[in-house]
Amino acid sequence: MSSRVGSLSRIARVAAVATAGLGLACTNSLAQVACQSLTPAAAIDKANELFKRWNDLLVNNGDIVGRYAERSILLATVSNEPRLNREEKQEYFKHFRERKPSGQLSPVGRTVFFDCNTLVDAGLYTFF
């Protein structure tokens, strides 16, 4: 794997779960019909949008930790330590941002799974 000065050379496997990311809830029959009408292309568009929002928060020092569910686990790109709570995630991103990273998704091996209120975007990404 090649690297450039100032770039992060790690490529990591990511499974980003955005609960309620689709803005749909299957609590009644009308919502269930809406869930069934979501196409794979629409799910990929939503996954792209969610990653863009996440990356914008990363680059612009926004509240990126706020994008994670309270009970989520961050398996960080440049750390071997799982981050289990908000404080640990904030500490990780504080140091990660010192490198001024920007992420890019790779279409190779990417899979987007979805249902009514969950979207899982699994694949490779690279930070520069």
N, C-alpha and C. Protein backbone atom coordinates (compact mmCIF):
# COMPACT_ATOMS: atom_id res chain seq x y z
N MET A 1 0.85 -1.17 0.00
CA MET A 1 0.00 0.00 0.00
C MET A 1 0.90 1.23 0.00
N SER A 2 0.70 2.14 -0.94
CA SER A 2 1.53 3.33 -1.01
C SER A 2 0.97 4.41 -0.10
N SER A 3 1.85 5.33 0.29
CA SER A 3 1.38 6.43 1.13
C SER A 3 2.03 7.72 0.67
N ARG A 4 1.38 8.84 0.96
CA ARG A 4 1.92 10.15 0.65
C ARG A 4 2.15 10.88 1.95
N VAL A 5 3.06 11.86 1.94
CA VAL A 5 3.31 12.67 3.11
C VAL A 5 2.02 13.38 3.47
N GLY A 6 1.67 13.34 4.72
CA GLY A 6 0.46 13.99 5.19
C GLY A 6 -0.80 13.19 4.97
N SER A 7 -0.70 12.03 4.40
CA SER A 7 -1.91 11.25 4.18
C SER A 7 -1.94 10.07 5.13
N LEU A 8 -3.12 9.64 5.45
CA LEU A 8 -3.28 8.44 6.26
C LEU A 8 -3.33 7.28 5.31
N SER A 9 -2.47 6.32 5.48
CA SER A 9 -2.35 5.24 4.51
C SER A 9 -3.20 4.03 4.85
N ARG A 10 -3.88 4.08 5.96
CA ARG A 10 -4.69 2.93 6.33
C ARG A 10 -5.98 2.89 5.55
N ILE A 11 -6.34 1.71 5.14
CA ILE A 11 -7.66 1.47 4.57
C ILE A 11 -8.35 0.55 5.55
N ALA A 12 -9.54 0.88 5.94
CA ALA A 12 -10.22 0.13 6.98
C ALA A 12 -11.56 -0.38 6.51
N ARG A 13 -11.98 -1.43 7.11
CA ARG A 13 -13.32 -1.98 6.87
C ARG A 13 -14.27 -1.23 7.79
N VAL A 14 -15.35 -0.77 7.27
CA VAL A 14 -16.29 0.00 8.07
C VAL A 14 -17.68 -0.57 7.93
N ALA A 15 -18.36 -0.61 9.03
CA ALA A 15 -19.78 -0.93 9.01
C ALA A 15 -20.47 0.17 9.79
N ALA A 16 -20.98 1.15 9.10
CA ALA A 16 -21.60 2.29 9.74
C ALA A 16 -23.09 2.08 9.79
N VAL A 17 -23.61 2.04 10.97
CA VAL A 17 -25.04 1.84 11.14
C VAL A 17 -25.68 3.17 11.50
N ALA A 18 -26.62 3.58 10.70
CA ALA A 18 -27.33 4.82 10.95
C ALA A 18 -28.77 4.48 11.29
N THR A 19 -29.05 4.32 12.56
CA THR A 19 -30.42 3.98 12.94
C THR A 19 -31.31 5.19 12.68
N ALA A 20 -32.45 4.92 12.18
CA ALA A 20 -33.43 5.94 11.81
C ALA A 20 -32.89 6.85 10.71
N GLY A 21 -31.83 6.46 10.07
CA GLY A 21 -31.22 7.26 9.03
C GLY A 21 -32.10 7.44 7.82
N LEU A 22 -33.02 6.55 7.61
CA LEU A 22 -33.89 6.66 6.46
C LEU A 22 -35.14 7.48 6.76
N GLY A 23 -35.31 7.85 8.01
CA GLY A 23 -36.45 8.65 8.38
C GLY A 23 -37.77 7.91 8.29
N LEU A 24 -37.73 6.62 8.37
CA LEU A 24 -38.94 5.81 8.27
C LEU A 24 -39.10 4.97 9.53
N ALA A 25 -40.29 4.75 9.93
CA ALA A 25 -40.54 3.88 11.08
C ALA A 25 -41.67 2.94 10.72
N CYS A 26 -41.48 1.67 10.96
CA CYS A 26 -42.49 0.67 10.60
C CYS A 26 -43.42 0.40 11.77
N THR A 27 -44.15 1.41 12.16
CA THR A 27 -45.07 1.24 13.29
C THR A 27 -46.51 1.10 12.83
N ASN A 28 -46.78 1.38 11.58
CA ASN A 28 -48.14 1.21 11.07
C ASN A 28 -48.07 0.74 9.61
N SER A 29 -49.19 0.38 9.08
CA SER A 29 -49.19 -0.20 7.74
C SER A 29 -48.74 0.81 6.67
N LEU A 30 -49.04 2.09 6.85
CA LEU A 30 -48.62 3.09 5.88
C LEU A 30 -47.10 3.17 5.83
N ALA A 31 -46.45 3.18 6.99
CA ALA A 31 -44.99 3.22 7.04
C ALA A 31 -44.41 1.96 6.44
N GLN A 32 -45.03 0.82 6.66
CA GLN A 32 -44.51 -0.42 6.10
C GLN A 32 -44.55 -0.39 4.58
N VAL A 33 -45.58 0.21 4.01
CA VAL A 33 -45.65 0.34 2.56
C VAL A 33 -44.50 1.23 2.09
N ALA A 34 -44.23 2.33 2.82
CA ALA A 34 -43.12 3.21 2.46
C ALA A 34 -41.80 2.47 2.53
N CYS A 35 -41.62 1.63 3.54
CA CYS A 35 -40.39 0.85 3.67
C CYS A 35 -40.22 -0.07 2.47
N GLN A 36 -41.27 -0.71 2.06
CA GLN A 36 -41.19 -1.65 0.96
C GLN A 36 -40.89 -0.95 -0.36
N SER A 37 -41.25 0.33 -0.47
CA SER A 37 -41.05 1.03 -1.73
C SER A 37 -39.64 1.61 -1.87
N LEU A 38 -38.83 1.55 -0.85
CA LEU A 38 -37.47 2.03 -0.93
C LEU A 38 -36.66 1.13 -1.85
N THR A 39 -35.99 1.71 -2.80
CA THR A 39 -35.22 0.93 -3.76
C THR A 39 -33.76 0.83 -3.30
N PRO A 40 -33.04 -0.17 -3.80
CA PRO A 40 -31.61 -0.25 -3.48
C PRO A 40 -30.85 1.02 -3.89
N ALA A 41 -31.21 1.61 -5.02
CA ALA A 41 -30.55 2.84 -5.46
C ALA A 41 -30.79 3.98 -4.47
N ALA A 42 -32.02 4.07 -3.95
CA ALA A 42 -32.33 5.10 -2.96
C ALA A 42 -31.55 4.86 -1.66
N ALA A 43 -31.38 3.61 -1.28
CA ALA A 43 -30.61 3.29 -0.07
C ALA A 43 -29.14 3.68 -0.25
N ILE A 44 -28.59 3.45 -1.43
CA ILE A 44 -27.20 3.84 -1.70
C ILE A 44 -27.06 5.35 -1.69
N ASP A 45 -28.04 6.05 -2.27
CA ASP A 45 -28.02 7.52 -2.23
C ASP A 45 -28.04 8.01 -0.79
N LYS A 46 -28.87 7.40 0.05
CA LYS A 46 -28.95 7.79 1.46
C LYS A 46 -27.64 7.49 2.17
N ALA A 47 -27.04 6.33 1.88
CA ALA A 47 -25.75 5.99 2.49
C ALA A 47 -24.68 7.01 2.10
N ASN A 48 -24.67 7.41 0.83
CA ASN A 48 -23.72 8.43 0.37
C ASN A 48 -23.93 9.75 1.09
N GLU A 49 -25.20 10.13 1.25
CA GLU A 49 -25.54 11.37 1.95
C GLU A 49 -25.08 11.32 3.41
N LEU A 50 -25.32 10.19 4.09
CA LEU A 50 -24.92 10.06 5.49
C LEU A 50 -23.40 10.10 5.63
N PHE A 51 -22.68 9.45 4.72
CA PHE A 51 -21.22 9.51 4.79
C PHE A 51 -20.73 10.93 4.54
N LYS A 52 -21.33 11.62 3.58
CA LYS A 52 -20.92 13.01 3.31
C LYS A 52 -21.13 13.88 4.54
N ARG A 53 -22.27 13.73 5.22
CA ARG A 53 -22.52 14.50 6.45
C ARG A 53 -21.46 14.19 7.50
N TRP A 54 -21.16 12.88 7.67
CA TRP A 54 -20.17 12.46 8.65
C TRP A 54 -18.80 13.06 8.31
N ASN A 55 -18.39 12.96 7.05
CA ASN A 55 -17.09 13.47 6.62
C ASN A 55 -17.02 14.99 6.76
N ASP A 56 -18.11 15.69 6.45
CA ASP A 56 -18.14 17.15 6.62
C ASP A 56 -17.93 17.52 8.08
N LEU A 57 -18.55 16.78 9.00
CA LEU A 57 -18.35 17.03 10.42
C LEU A 57 -16.90 16.77 10.82
N LEU A 58 -16.31 15.72 10.26
CA LEU A 58 -14.91 15.41 10.54
C LEU A 58 -14.00 16.54 10.08
N VAL A 59 -14.15 16.95 8.84
CA VAL A 59 -13.28 17.96 8.24
C VAL A 59 -13.47 19.33 8.90
N ASN A 60 -14.69 19.67 9.26
CA ASN A 60 -15.01 21.01 9.78
C ASN A 60 -15.11 21.07 11.29
N ASN A 61 -14.61 20.06 11.99
CA ASN A 61 -14.59 20.02 13.46
C ASN A 61 -15.98 20.14 14.07
N GLY A 62 -16.97 19.56 13.42
CA GLY A 62 -18.33 19.54 13.96
C GLY A 62 -18.48 18.42 14.99
N ASP A 63 -19.68 18.28 15.51
CA ASP A 63 -19.96 17.26 16.54
C ASP A 63 -20.13 15.89 15.88
N ILE A 64 -19.03 15.32 15.46
CA ILE A 64 -19.07 14.02 14.79
C ILE A 64 -19.53 12.92 15.73
N VAL A 65 -19.20 13.03 17.00
CA VAL A 65 -19.59 12.00 17.97
C VAL A 65 -21.11 11.97 18.12
N GLY A 66 -21.77 13.08 17.87
CA GLY A 66 -23.22 13.13 17.92
C GLY A 66 -23.88 12.27 16.85
N ARG A 67 -23.13 11.85 15.83
CA ARG A 67 -23.65 10.98 14.78
C ARG A 67 -23.70 9.52 15.21
N TYR A 68 -23.08 9.20 16.34
CA TYR A 68 -23.02 7.82 16.82
C TYR A 68 -24.11 7.57 17.85
N ALA A 69 -24.73 6.41 17.76
CA ALA A 69 -25.74 6.02 18.74
C ALA A 69 -25.09 5.91 20.11
N GLU A 70 -25.86 6.16 21.15
CA GLU A 70 -25.33 6.14 22.52
C GLU A 70 -24.65 4.81 22.84
N ARG A 71 -25.21 3.70 22.36
CA ARG A 71 -24.66 2.38 22.68
C ARG A 71 -23.81 1.82 21.53
N SER A 72 -23.24 2.70 20.71
CA SER A 72 -22.41 2.24 19.59
C SER A 72 -20.98 1.95 20.05
N ILE A 73 -20.27 1.25 19.20
CA ILE A 73 -18.85 0.95 19.43
C ILE A 73 -18.08 1.48 18.23
N LEU A 74 -17.10 2.33 18.49
CA LEU A 74 -16.25 2.85 17.42
C LEU A 74 -14.99 2.00 17.36
N LEU A 75 -14.82 1.30 16.24
CA LEU A 75 -13.59 0.57 15.97
C LEU A 75 -12.77 1.48 15.06
N ALA A 76 -11.93 2.25 15.67
CA ALA A 76 -11.27 3.37 15.01
C ALA A 76 -10.22 2.93 13.99
N THR A 77 -10.02 3.77 12.99
CA THR A 77 -9.10 3.50 11.90
C THR A 77 -7.65 3.45 12.36
N VAL A 78 -7.25 4.39 13.19
CA VAL A 78 -5.83 4.47 13.59
C VAL A 78 -5.65 4.20 15.08
N SER A 79 -6.40 3.25 15.60
CA SER A 79 -6.28 2.87 17.00
C SER A 79 -6.72 1.42 17.16
N ASN A 80 -6.09 0.72 18.05
CA ASN A 80 -6.47 -0.66 18.34
C ASN A 80 -7.44 -0.76 19.51
N GLU A 81 -7.84 0.36 20.06
CA GLU A 81 -8.70 0.40 21.23
C GLU A 81 -10.15 0.73 20.86
N PRO A 82 -11.09 -0.16 21.14
CA PRO A 82 -12.50 0.16 20.88
C PRO A 82 -12.95 1.34 21.75
N ARG A 83 -13.73 2.21 21.20
CA ARG A 83 -14.26 3.38 21.94
C ARG A 83 -15.72 3.11 22.23
N LEU A 84 -16.05 3.03 23.53
CA LEU A 84 -17.37 2.57 23.95
C LEU A 84 -18.32 3.69 24.37
N ASN A 85 -17.79 4.82 24.80
CA ASN A 85 -18.68 5.89 25.27
C ASN A 85 -18.31 7.21 24.59
N ARG A 86 -19.14 8.21 24.82
CA ARG A 86 -18.97 9.51 24.15
C ARG A 86 -17.60 10.12 24.42
N GLU A 87 -17.14 10.07 25.66
CA GLU A 87 -15.87 10.67 26.02
C GLU A 87 -14.70 10.00 25.29
N GLU A 88 -14.72 8.67 25.21
CA GLU A 88 -13.66 7.94 24.50
C GLU A 88 -13.67 8.27 23.01
N LYS A 89 -14.86 8.41 22.43
CA LYS A 89 -14.97 8.76 21.01
C LYS A 89 -14.46 10.18 20.77
N GLN A 90 -14.82 11.11 21.66
CA GLN A 90 -14.35 12.49 21.52
C GLN A 90 -12.83 12.56 21.62
N GLU A 91 -12.26 11.81 22.54
CA GLU A 91 -10.81 11.79 22.69
C GLU A 91 -10.14 11.26 21.41
N TYR A 92 -10.71 10.19 20.85
CA TYR A 92 -10.16 9.64 19.60
C TYR A 92 -10.18 10.68 18.49
N PHE A 93 -11.34 11.31 18.27
CA PHE A 93 -11.45 12.25 17.16
C PHE A 93 -10.61 13.49 17.38
N LYS A 94 -10.40 13.88 18.63
CA LYS A 94 -9.53 15.02 18.93
C LYS A 94 -8.15 14.77 18.35
N HIS A 95 -7.60 13.59 18.58
CA HIS A 95 -6.26 13.28 18.08
C HIS A 95 -6.28 12.94 16.59
N PHE A 96 -7.32 12.28 16.13
CA PHE A 96 -7.43 11.93 14.71
C PHE A 96 -7.48 13.19 13.85
N ARG A 97 -8.20 14.20 14.32
CA ARG A 97 -8.35 15.44 13.54
C ARG A 97 -7.06 16.24 13.45
N GLU A 98 -6.11 15.99 14.33
CA GLU A 98 -4.83 16.69 14.25
C GLU A 98 -4.14 16.43 12.91
N ARG A 99 -4.46 15.31 12.28
CA ARG A 99 -3.88 14.96 10.97
C ARG A 99 -4.64 15.59 9.81
N LYS A 100 -5.71 16.30 10.11
CA LYS A 100 -6.56 16.96 9.10
C LYS A 100 -7.03 15.97 8.03
N PRO A 101 -7.70 14.90 8.46
CA PRO A 101 -8.13 13.86 7.51
C PRO A 101 -9.38 14.26 6.73
N SER A 102 -9.51 13.61 5.60
CA SER A 102 -10.74 13.67 4.81
C SER A 102 -10.95 12.27 4.24
N GLY A 103 -12.15 11.75 4.38
CA GLY A 103 -12.44 10.39 3.95
C GLY A 103 -13.03 10.31 2.57
N GLN A 104 -12.82 9.16 1.96
CA GLN A 104 -13.40 8.87 0.65
C GLN A 104 -13.83 7.41 0.63
N LEU A 105 -15.07 7.16 0.20
CA LEU A 105 -15.58 5.79 0.08
C LEU A 105 -15.03 5.12 -1.16
N SER A 106 -14.82 3.83 -1.07
CA SER A 106 -14.43 3.05 -2.23
C SER A 106 -15.64 2.24 -2.69
N PRO A 107 -15.96 2.28 -3.98
CA PRO A 107 -17.09 1.50 -4.47
C PRO A 107 -16.78 0.00 -4.53
N VAL A 108 -15.51 -0.37 -4.45
CA VAL A 108 -15.11 -1.77 -4.54
C VAL A 108 -15.48 -2.50 -3.25
N GLY A 109 -16.26 -3.56 -3.38
CA GLY A 109 -16.64 -4.35 -2.23
C GLY A 109 -17.64 -3.71 -1.29
N ARG A 110 -18.26 -2.62 -1.71
CA ARG A 110 -19.22 -1.92 -0.86
C ARG A 110 -20.57 -2.62 -0.93
N THR A 111 -21.20 -2.76 0.24
CA THR A 111 -22.53 -3.34 0.34
C THR A 111 -23.38 -2.48 1.25
N VAL A 112 -24.58 -2.16 0.80
CA VAL A 112 -25.51 -1.37 1.60
C VAL A 112 -26.72 -2.25 1.90
N PHE A 113 -26.96 -2.47 3.19
CA PHE A 113 -28.12 -3.22 3.66
C PHE A 113 -29.09 -2.23 4.27
N PHE A 114 -30.38 -2.45 4.11
CA PHE A 114 -31.34 -1.52 4.69
C PHE A 114 -32.66 -2.22 4.97
N ASP A 115 -33.38 -1.63 5.92
CA ASP A 115 -34.78 -1.98 6.16
C ASP A 115 -35.46 -0.69 6.59
N CYS A 116 -36.55 -0.78 7.29
CA CYS A 116 -37.35 0.41 7.59
C CYS A 116 -36.59 1.52 8.30
N ASN A 117 -35.82 1.18 9.31
CA ASN A 117 -35.20 2.24 10.09
C ASN A 117 -33.71 2.00 10.36
N THR A 118 -33.08 1.16 9.56
CA THR A 118 -31.66 0.88 9.74
C THR A 118 -30.99 0.84 8.37
N LEU A 119 -29.81 1.43 8.32
CA LEU A 119 -29.01 1.41 7.11
C LEU A 119 -27.60 1.01 7.52
N VAL A 120 -27.06 -0.02 6.89
CA VAL A 120 -25.69 -0.47 7.15
C VAL A 120 -24.91 -0.31 5.86
N ASP A 121 -23.86 0.48 5.93
CA ASP A 121 -23.00 0.74 4.78
C ASP A 121 -21.64 0.11 5.10
N ALA A 122 -21.35 -1.03 4.49
CA ALA A 122 -20.13 -1.77 4.80
C ALA A 122 -19.22 -1.78 3.59
N GLY A 123 -17.98 -1.49 3.79
CA GLY A 123 -17.03 -1.49 2.69
C GLY A 123 -15.72 -0.86 3.11
N LEU A 124 -14.98 -0.36 2.12
CA LEU A 124 -13.67 0.24 2.36
C LEU A 124 -13.75 1.76 2.23
N TYR A 125 -12.93 2.41 3.01
CA TYR A 125 -12.75 3.85 2.85
C TYR A 125 -11.28 4.17 3.08
N THR A 126 -10.86 5.29 2.55
CA THR A 126 -9.49 5.74 2.68
C THR A 126 -9.50 7.16 3.23
N PHE A 127 -8.56 7.47 4.10
CA PHE A 127 -8.41 8.83 4.60
C PHE A 127 -7.14 9.43 4.00
N PHE A 128 -7.26 10.67 3.58
CA PHE A 128 -6.13 11.42 3.05
C PHE A 128 -5.82 12.56 3.98
